């Protein structure tokens, strides 16, 4: 029966059924064939969602929307552009670093892609980057938003898996930083012989220091936002939910009165879009919680572990198969749905073979991030193509290069070198 439920879930996802309905269809299948009383499942789903931790997600969504429309992202880009924007391939590196900085505030790849993409796509095209390459680069870099904390999927993972939110945040920092450096380096290597590349004029004597002072001063309110959020969380002064609330409250006057990108109409749009997105996510979470409860009652993790061990008893082999499963999940659905499905199923499996739950947080984040930009489905990649008007065939080659020389090395390092992910949680929180 449980195999049939999984098959039904995969089929409904592949044919394009909305994710919450795909989860509910699989739940109904298990309820009917298993003879379960559905009356206990509805209160269970509600009780699991009645937690203040989840409040951080709509608040970060709202903060990202305010930053996008309040010209806050543009000021961050202007500062980064001063230091690497005038070398060959430098503008691409500006886009990568800007995604990492912006993602460290919003924790969402889609918000990062929408904001940074709207600013950087015209600049990259004017500088001679092809539409397909620019769309592929921004799609890959935007996923840094789910690795460099605060991250929405790490909040969900810690909630479902019963782990420390701060420890999960810290687990993905080093993989996220390594990916940022690799993406910038790969971009410069790929653009080293681009004949269409247009470089900005070098600075006149004294111009650089003057621009640094001017742009840094102008960007101080924007630059203070990640310091406020991350410093508050890591300093132990605020929970992630409190930091998200403070980021939202702080971004409103900055967007309205300092950068003046916000007005009443735009702010109303942010509120409506944030409420809509939050509603979709909450329906999705409710559906997944019901399904995951049924899977646990049917002992899906135990059956899955037995199945994997029947193929190989090697810890390395099991981890490789788990990684493939998570990448496929990342290809089929959005990151929120994937983490909600994978955590209750796979966390018991990997802990049974000796993987630390905090280490698995980093493995999960990198796998789902890679799945979001891996063809043939690649939801984030196609979103980037729509935003930039790029053809799919123009995005495939640069995406495959970034996967082979960026994502795969980091994925292997994260999976098989646990100290990479556990270093900061151990140093800062004393995690064993």
Protein backbone atom coordinates (compact mmCIF):
# COMPACT_ATOMS: atom_id res chain seq x y z
CA UNK A 1 0.00 0.00 0.00
CA UNK A 2 2.72 2.47 0.95
CA UNK A 3 4.51 1.88 -2.37
CA UNK A 4 1.24 2.62 -4.17
CA UNK A 5 0.89 5.87 -2.20
CA UNK A 6 4.40 6.95 -3.21
CA UNK A 7 3.76 6.05 -6.85
CA UNK A 8 0.51 8.04 -6.80
CA UNK A 9 2.35 11.02 -5.31
CA UNK A 10 5.06 10.93 -8.00
CA UNK A 11 2.57 10.50 -10.84
CA UNK A 12 0.37 13.39 -9.71
CA UNK A 13 3.40 15.63 -9.35
CA UNK A 14 4.76 14.71 -12.78
CA UNK A 15 1.44 15.33 -14.58
CA UNK A 16 1.23 18.79 -13.02
CA UNK A 17 -1.33 18.43 -10.24
CA UNK A 18 -0.81 21.26 -7.70
CA UNK A 19 1.45 20.06 -4.89
CA UNK A 20 -1.10 20.31 -2.01
CA UNK A 21 -3.64 18.27 -4.00
CA UNK A 22 -0.98 15.70 -4.89
CA UNK A 23 -0.21 15.27 -1.19
CA UNK A 24 -3.91 15.05 -0.31
CA UNK A 25 -4.51 12.45 -3.04
CA UNK A 26 -1.77 10.26 -1.59
CA UNK A 27 -3.21 10.79 1.91
CA UNK A 28 -6.71 9.74 0.79
CA UNK A 29 -5.22 6.64 -0.84
CA UNK A 30 -3.56 5.58 2.44
CA UNK A 31 -6.64 6.45 4.54
CA UNK A 32 -9.01 4.42 2.34
CA UNK A 33 -6.82 1.34 1.89
CA UNK A 34 -5.43 1.43 5.42
CA UNK A 35 -8.83 1.86 7.05
CA UNK A 36 -7.76 4.89 9.06
CA UNK A 37 -10.21 7.24 10.75
CA UNK A 38 -9.54 10.64 9.14
CA UNK A 39 -11.06 12.55 12.07
CA UNK A 40 -7.83 12.44 14.09
CA UNK A 41 -5.69 13.67 11.18
CA UNK A 42 -7.34 17.07 10.82
CA UNK A 43 -6.71 18.17 14.43
CA UNK A 44 -3.20 16.67 14.21
CA UNK A 45 -2.31 18.84 11.21
CA UNK A 46 -3.70 21.91 12.93
CA UNK A 47 -1.89 21.25 16.21
CA UNK A 48 1.46 20.75 14.43
CA UNK A 49 1.08 24.10 12.67
CA UNK A 50 0.19 26.01 15.85
CA UNK A 51 3.74 27.17 16.53
CA UNK A 52 5.33 30.60 16.60
CA UNK A 53 8.33 29.29 14.64
CA UNK A 54 6.27 29.21 11.45
CA UNK A 55 5.42 32.89 11.87
CA UNK A 56 8.96 33.69 10.70
CA UNK A 57 8.15 32.49 7.18
CA UNK A 58 5.44 35.06 6.25
CA UNK A 59 7.46 37.78 7.98
CA UNK A 60 10.58 37.01 5.91
CA UNK A 61 8.40 36.85 2.79
CA UNK A 62 7.03 40.30 3.58
CA UNK A 63 10.51 41.66 4.32
CA UNK A 64 11.74 40.35 0.97
CA UNK A 65 8.83 41.96 -0.86
CA UNK A 66 9.45 45.31 0.84
CA UNK A 67 13.16 45.14 -0.03
CA UNK A 68 12.36 44.28 -3.63
CA UNK A 69 10.04 47.25 -4.14
CA UNK A 70 11.86 49.65 -1.84
CA UNK A 71 15.08 49.87 -3.90
CA UNK A 72 17.02 48.31 -1.02
CA UNK A 73 18.49 45.55 -3.20
CA UNK A 74 19.78 48.09 -5.73
CA UNK A 75 21.85 49.89 -3.08
CA UNK A 76 23.47 46.61 -2.05
CA UNK A 77 24.37 45.89 -5.68
CA UNK A 78 25.89 49.35 -6.16
CA UNK A 79 28.35 48.73 -3.32
CA UNK A 80 29.39 45.25 -4.54
CA UNK A 81 29.81 46.59 -8.08
CA UNK A 82 32.51 49.04 -6.94
CA UNK A 83 34.94 46.26 -6.02
CA UNK A 84 34.56 43.68 -8.80
CA UNK A 85 32.41 45.32 -11.44
CA UNK A 86 35.28 46.55 -13.63
CA UNK A 87 37.16 43.31 -14.25
CA UNK A 88 36.33 40.79 -16.98
CA UNK A 89 33.37 38.76 -15.78
CA UNK A 90 33.10 41.02 -12.75
CA UNK A 91 29.49 42.02 -13.31
CA UNK A 92 28.49 38.36 -13.14
CA UNK A 93 30.36 38.08 -9.85
CA UNK A 94 28.45 41.15 -8.64
CA UNK A 95 25.20 39.32 -9.40
CA UNK A 96 26.34 36.21 -7.50
CA UNK A 97 27.50 38.09 -4.40
CA UNK A 98 24.37 40.28 -4.45
CA UNK A 99 22.19 37.15 -4.45
CA UNK A 100 24.14 35.80 -1.49
CA UNK A 101 23.75 39.06 0.48
CA UNK A 102 20.09 39.52 -0.40
CA UNK A 103 19.35 35.86 0.29
CA UNK A 104 20.90 36.23 3.73
CA UNK A 105 18.02 38.57 4.57
CA UNK A 106 15.00 37.04 2.86
CA UNK A 107 15.87 33.32 3.02
CA UNK A 108 14.00 32.68 -0.24
CA UNK A 109 15.40 31.88 -3.68
CA UNK A 110 12.32 33.19 -5.51
CA UNK A 111 12.38 36.54 -3.69
CA UNK A 112 16.12 36.81 -4.35
CA UNK A 113 15.71 35.98 -8.03
CA UNK A 114 12.84 38.43 -8.50
CA UNK A 115 14.62 41.34 -6.81
CA UNK A 116 18.23 40.89 -7.96
CA UNK A 117 17.14 39.66 -11.38
CA UNK A 118 15.00 42.71 -12.06
CA UNK A 119 18.06 44.90 -11.38
CA UNK A 120 20.86 42.78 -12.85
CA UNK A 121 19.30 41.34 -16.02
CA UNK A 122 19.29 44.71 -17.87
CA UNK A 123 22.82 45.48 -16.62
CA UNK A 124 24.16 42.08 -17.69
CA UNK A 125 22.56 42.32 -21.14
CA UNK A 126 23.99 45.81 -21.65
CA UNK A 127 27.44 44.51 -20.66
CA UNK A 128 27.34 41.77 -23.32
CA UNK A 129 26.15 38.74 -21.37
CA UNK A 130 23.71 36.57 -23.32
CA UNK A 131 20.16 36.28 -22.00
CA UNK A 132 20.48 32.53 -21.51
CA UNK A 133 23.75 32.79 -19.60
CA UNK A 134 22.46 35.61 -17.38
CA UNK A 135 19.27 33.68 -16.59
CA UNK A 136 21.25 30.52 -15.74
CA UNK A 137 23.75 32.38 -13.54
CA UNK A 138 21.06 34.25 -11.58
CA UNK A 139 18.96 31.09 -11.18
CA UNK A 140 21.89 29.20 -9.64
CA UNK A 141 22.99 32.14 -7.49
CA UNK A 142 19.47 32.82 -6.21
CA UNK A 143 19.42 29.40 -4.56
CA UNK A 144 22.10 30.71 -2.20
CA UNK A 145 19.11 32.32 -0.47
CA UNK A 146 18.09 28.93 0.96
CA UNK A 147 21.62 28.11 2.15
CA UNK A 148 22.96 31.35 3.63
CA UNK A 149 20.86 31.99 6.74
CA UNK A 150 18.25 32.86 7.67
CA UNK A 151 16.64 30.21 5.48
CA UNK A 152 12.95 29.38 5.27
CA UNK A 153 13.59 25.70 4.58
CA UNK A 154 15.95 25.43 7.57
CA UNK A 155 13.20 26.85 9.77
CA UNK A 156 10.86 24.16 8.46
CA UNK A 157 13.48 21.41 8.77
CA UNK A 158 14.20 22.33 12.39
CA UNK A 159 10.47 22.46 13.13
CA UNK A 160 9.68 19.06 11.63
CA UNK A 161 12.92 17.39 12.75
CA UNK A 162 12.89 18.80 16.28
CA UNK A 163 16.30 20.47 15.93
CA UNK A 164 17.74 23.83 16.92
CA UNK A 165 16.89 26.51 14.34
CA UNK A 166 20.18 28.32 14.94
CA UNK A 167 22.20 25.11 14.58
CA UNK A 168 20.51 24.37 11.25
CA UNK A 169 21.23 27.93 10.09
CA UNK A 170 24.91 27.54 10.95
CA UNK A 171 25.16 24.15 9.23
CA UNK A 172 24.56 25.65 5.78
CA UNK A 173 26.83 28.71 6.11
CA UNK A 174 30.09 27.12 4.92
CA UNK A 175 28.50 25.24 1.96
CA UNK A 176 26.75 28.48 0.97
CA UNK A 177 29.97 30.53 1.11
CA UNK A 178 31.90 27.90 -0.88
CA UNK A 179 29.17 27.90 -3.53
CA UNK A 180 29.28 31.69 -3.73
CA UNK A 181 33.04 31.65 -4.36
CA UNK A 182 32.76 28.81 -6.91
CA UNK A 183 29.96 30.50 -8.86
CA UNK A 184 31.90 33.77 -9.06
CA UNK A 185 35.06 31.94 -10.18
CA UNK A 186 33.23 29.79 -12.75
CA UNK A 187 31.52 32.88 -14.13
CA UNK A 188 34.84 34.68 -14.63
CA UNK A 189 36.36 31.60 -16.26
CA UNK A 190 33.42 31.19 -18.66
CA UNK A 191 33.48 34.87 -19.63
CA UNK A 192 37.26 35.21 -20.02
CA UNK A 193 37.06 34.98 -23.84
CA UNK A 194 33.63 36.49 -24.45
CA UNK A 195 34.20 38.96 -27.34
CA UNK A 196 30.90 40.74 -26.68
CA UNK A 197 31.77 41.65 -23.10
CA UNK A 198 31.76 45.38 -22.43
CA UNK A 199 33.85 46.52 -19.49
CA UNK A 200 33.14 49.70 -17.57
CA UNK A 201 35.68 52.49 -17.81
CA UNK A 202 38.43 52.31 -15.17
CA UNK A 203 38.24 54.73 -12.30
CA UNK A 204 39.96 58.09 -12.59
CA UNK A 205 42.52 58.95 -9.88
CA UNK A 206 40.69 59.50 -6.62
CA UNK A 207 37.32 58.51 -8.09
CA UNK A 208 37.22 55.07 -6.47
CA UNK A 209 37.61 56.31 -2.89
CA UNK A 210 35.06 59.04 -3.48
CA UNK A 211 32.53 56.55 -4.87
CA UNK A 212 33.17 54.13 -2.01
CA UNK A 213 32.35 56.85 0.51
CA UNK A 214 29.30 58.03 -1.42
CA UNK A 215 27.76 54.64 -2.19
CA UNK A 216 28.59 53.11 1.18
CA UNK A 217 27.02 56.05 2.97
CA UNK A 218 23.96 55.79 0.74
CA UNK A 219 23.78 52.02 1.27
CA UNK A 220 24.30 52.05 5.05
CA UNK A 221 20.58 51.60 5.86
CA UNK A 222 20.47 48.61 3.47
CA UNK A 223 23.77 47.17 4.72
CA UNK A 224 22.60 47.45 8.31
CA UNK A 225 19.65 45.16 7.65
CA UNK A 226 21.62 41.87 7.36
CA UNK A 227 23.75 42.97 10.33
CA UNK A 228 20.57 43.54 12.32
CA UNK A 229 19.00 40.22 11.37
CA UNK A 230 22.04 37.94 11.53
CA UNK A 231 23.64 39.73 14.47
CA UNK A 232 20.42 39.48 16.44
CA UNK A 233 20.02 35.77 15.73
CA UNK A 234 23.64 34.69 16.22
CA UNK A 235 24.16 37.02 19.16
CA UNK A 236 21.32 35.31 20.99
CA UNK A 237 19.30 38.51 21.30
CA UNK A 238 16.42 37.39 19.07
CA UNK A 239 14.73 34.26 17.84
CA UNK A 240 14.39 33.87 14.03
CA UNK A 241 10.74 34.92 14.32
CA UNK A 242 11.64 38.07 16.22
CA UNK A 243 14.42 38.83 13.74
CA UNK A 244 11.99 38.43 10.84
CA UNK A 245 9.54 40.80 12.52
CA UNK A 246 12.28 43.35 13.16
CA UNK A 247 13.51 43.07 9.54
CA UNK A 248 9.97 43.79 8.31
CA UNK A 249 9.48 46.74 10.63
CA UNK A 250 12.92 48.14 9.77
CA UNK A 251 12.49 47.74 5.98
CA UNK A 252 9.21 49.72 5.87
CA UNK A 253 10.56 53.20 6.79
CA UNK A 254 13.78 52.54 4.83
CA UNK A 255 11.76 51.75 1.70
CA UNK A 256 9.31 54.60 2.21
CA UNK A 257 11.42 57.49 3.45
CA UNK A 258 15.10 56.79 2.71
CA UNK A 259 15.13 55.09 -0.70
CA UNK A 260 11.57 56.14 -1.58
CA UNK A 261 10.86 53.08 -3.70
CA UNK A 262 7.74 52.27 -1.68
CA UNK A 263 4.43 54.09 -1.76
CA UNK A 264 0.98 53.22 -0.53
CA UNK A 265 0.03 51.28 -3.66
CA UNK A 266 3.26 49.27 -3.78
CA UNK A 267 3.08 48.52 -0.07
CA UNK A 268 -0.47 47.22 -0.50
CA UNK A 269 0.77 44.95 -3.32
CA UNK A 270 3.47 43.60 -1.01
CA UNK A 271 0.89 42.83 1.68
CA UNK A 272 -1.44 41.07 -0.80
CA UNK A 273 1.36 39.05 -2.39
CA UNK A 274 2.79 38.10 1.01
CA UNK A 275 -0.63 37.01 2.25
CA UNK A 276 -1.26 34.99 -0.93
CA UNK A 277 2.12 33.27 -0.77
CA UNK A 278 1.70 32.56 2.93
CA UNK A 279 -1.75 31.07 2.33
CA UNK A 280 -0.38 28.74 -0.33
CA UNK A 281 2.49 27.67 1.90
CA UNK A 282 0.22 27.01 4.90
CA UNK A 283 -2.19 24.89 2.85
CA UNK A 284 0.82 23.00 1.57
CA UNK A 285 2.24 22.51 5.07
CA UNK A 286 -1.10 21.25 6.35
CA UNK A 287 -1.35 18.72 3.51
CA UNK A 288 2.22 17.52 4.01
CA UNK A 289 1.83 17.14 7.77
CA UNK A 290 -1.18 14.85 7.27
CA UNK A 291 0.66 12.80 4.64
CA UNK A 292 3.87 12.55 6.65
CA UNK A 293 1.90 11.37 9.70
CA UNK A 294 0.35 8.58 7.63
CA UNK A 295 3.75 7.64 6.22
CA UNK A 296 5.19 7.41 9.74
CA UNK A 297 2.24 5.28 10.90
CA UNK A 298 2.90 2.95 7.97
CA UNK A 299 6.62 2.90 8.93
CA UNK A 300 7.77 4.23 5.58
CA UNK A 301 11.21 5.27 6.95
CA UNK A 302 11.79 1.72 8.23
CA UNK A 303 10.70 0.16 4.94
CA UNK A 304 12.83 2.62 2.99
CA UNK A 305 15.90 1.89 5.11
CA UNK A 306 15.36 -1.85 4.67
CA UNK A 307 15.03 -1.35 0.92
CA UNK A 308 18.24 0.69 0.72
CA UNK A 309 20.13 -1.81 2.87
CA UNK A 310 18.97 -4.63 0.62
CA UNK A 311 20.76 -2.84 -2.23
CA UNK A 312 23.90 -1.96 -0.27
CA UNK A 313 24.99 -2.03 3.36
CA UNK A 314 27.53 0.73 2.76
CA UNK A 315 26.85 4.06 4.46
CA UNK A 316 28.33 5.83 1.43
CA UNK A 317 26.04 3.93 -0.94
CA UNK A 318 22.93 4.68 1.12
CA UNK A 319 23.83 8.38 1.31
CA UNK A 320 24.32 8.53 -2.45
CA UNK A 321 20.87 7.00 -3.03
CA UNK A 322 19.31 9.39 -0.49
CA UNK A 323 20.98 12.30 -2.30
CA UNK A 324 19.55 11.19 -5.64
CA UNK A 325 16.08 10.94 -4.09
CA UNK A 326 16.32 14.49 -2.69
CA UNK A 327 17.59 15.96 -5.96
CA UNK A 328 14.63 14.38 -7.77
CA UNK A 329 12.26 15.82 -5.16
CA UNK A 330 13.84 19.23 -5.67
CA UNK A 331 13.25 18.87 -9.41
CA UNK A 332 9.58 17.95 -9.00
CA UNK A 333 8.41 20.47 -6.40
CA UNK A 334 9.31 23.72 -4.70
CA UNK A 335 11.82 23.78 -1.85
CA UNK A 336 9.20 24.20 0.89
CA UNK A 337 7.18 21.16 -0.22
CA UNK A 338 10.32 19.07 -0.74
CA UNK A 339 11.75 19.75 2.71
CA UNK A 340 8.39 19.01 4.33
CA UNK A 341 8.19 15.67 2.54
CA UNK A 342 11.83 14.60 2.80
CA UNK A 343 12.44 15.48 6.46
CA UNK A 344 10.03 13.05 8.20
CA UNK A 345 10.81 10.28 5.71
CA UNK A 346 14.60 10.56 5.39
CA UNK A 347 15.72 11.93 8.76
CA UNK A 348 15.05 8.61 10.59
CA UNK A 349 16.79 6.76 7.74
CA UNK A 350 20.03 8.76 7.85
CA UNK A 351 20.20 8.96 11.65
CA UNK A 352 19.91 5.16 11.71
CA UNK A 353 23.15 4.93 9.70
CA UNK A 354 24.97 7.43 11.93
CA UNK A 355 24.40 10.81 10.25
CA UNK A 356 24.04 13.75 12.65
CA UNK A 357 20.65 15.52 12.24
CA UNK A 358 22.38 18.93 11.96
CA UNK A 359 24.72 17.54 9.31
CA UNK A 360 21.70 16.26 7.42
CA UNK A 361 20.24 19.78 7.44
CA UNK A 362 23.14 20.91 5.23
CA UNK A 363 22.86 17.82 3.01
CA UNK A 364 19.15 18.47 2.54
CA UNK A 365 19.65 22.15 1.74
CA UNK A 366 22.33 21.56 -0.90
CA UNK A 367 20.41 18.70 -2.53
CA UNK A 368 17.13 20.55 -2.79
CA UNK A 369 18.90 23.67 -4.02
CA UNK A 370 20.60 21.67 -6.76
CA UNK A 371 17.31 19.99 -7.67
CA UNK A 372 15.63 23.36 -8.15
CA UNK A 373 17.97 24.22 -11.05
CA UNK A 374 18.53 20.74 -12.50
CA UNK A 375 16.87 20.01 -15.89
CA UNK A 376 14.51 18.71 -17.14
CA UNK A 377 12.09 20.22 -14.59
CA UNK A 378 14.21 22.90 -12.79
CA UNK A 379 11.47 25.21 -11.42
CA UNK A 380 13.83 28.06 -10.42
CA UNK A 381 15.73 27.86 -13.71
CA UNK A 382 12.54 28.23 -15.75
CA UNK A 383 11.35 31.08 -13.54
CA UNK A 384 14.62 32.88 -14.26
CA UNK A 385 14.16 32.25 -17.98
CA UNK A 386 10.69 33.78 -17.87
CA UNK A 387 11.90 36.83 -16.00
CA UNK A 388 14.71 37.45 -18.48
CA UNK A 389 12.95 36.27 -21.65
CA UNK A 390 15.63 33.61 -22.23
CA UNK A 391 15.22 30.44 -24.28
CA UNK A 392 15.66 27.12 -22.51
CA UNK A 393 18.45 25.92 -24.82
CA UNK A 394 20.46 29.04 -24.02
CA UNK A 395 20.35 28.25 -20.30
CA UNK A 396 21.25 24.55 -20.41
CA UNK A 397 25.00 24.66 -21.11
CA UNK A 398 25.92 27.26 -18.44
CA UNK A 399 23.63 25.50 -15.96
CA UNK A 400 25.33 22.15 -16.55
CA UNK A 401 28.76 23.77 -16.11
CA UNK A 402 27.65 25.35 -12.82
CA UNK A 403 26.21 22.02 -11.66
CA UNK A 404 29.34 20.02 -12.56
CA UNK A 405 31.92 22.44 -11.16
CA UNK A 406 29.86 24.16 -8.46
CA UNK A 407 26.99 22.14 -7.06
CA UNK A 408 28.43 18.63 -7.34
CA UNK A 409 31.74 19.36 -5.55
CA UNK A 410 29.89 21.14 -2.73
CA UNK A 411 27.32 18.34 -2.55
CA UNK A 412 30.05 15.71 -2.17
CA UNK A 413 31.97 17.81 0.36
CA UNK A 414 28.82 18.45 2.40
CA UNK A 415 27.74 14.80 2.33
CA UNK A 416 31.00 13.02 3.08
CA UNK A 417 32.83 15.59 5.21
CA UNK A 418 30.46 16.23 8.12
CA UNK A 419 32.94 18.51 9.91
CA UNK A 420 32.35 21.07 7.15
CA UNK A 421 28.73 21.49 8.25
CA UNK A 422 29.19 20.83 11.96
CA UNK A 423 32.17 23.17 12.45
CA UNK A 424 30.19 26.35 13.21
CA UNK A 425 27.43 24.65 15.27
CA UNK A 426 30.15 23.06 17.39
CA UNK A 427 32.19 26.25 17.77
CA UNK A 428 29.27 28.59 18.52
CA UNK A 429 26.65 26.34 20.13
CA UNK A 430 28.71 23.43 21.43
CA UNK A 431 26.79 20.88 19.33
CA UNK A 432 28.31 17.43 19.65
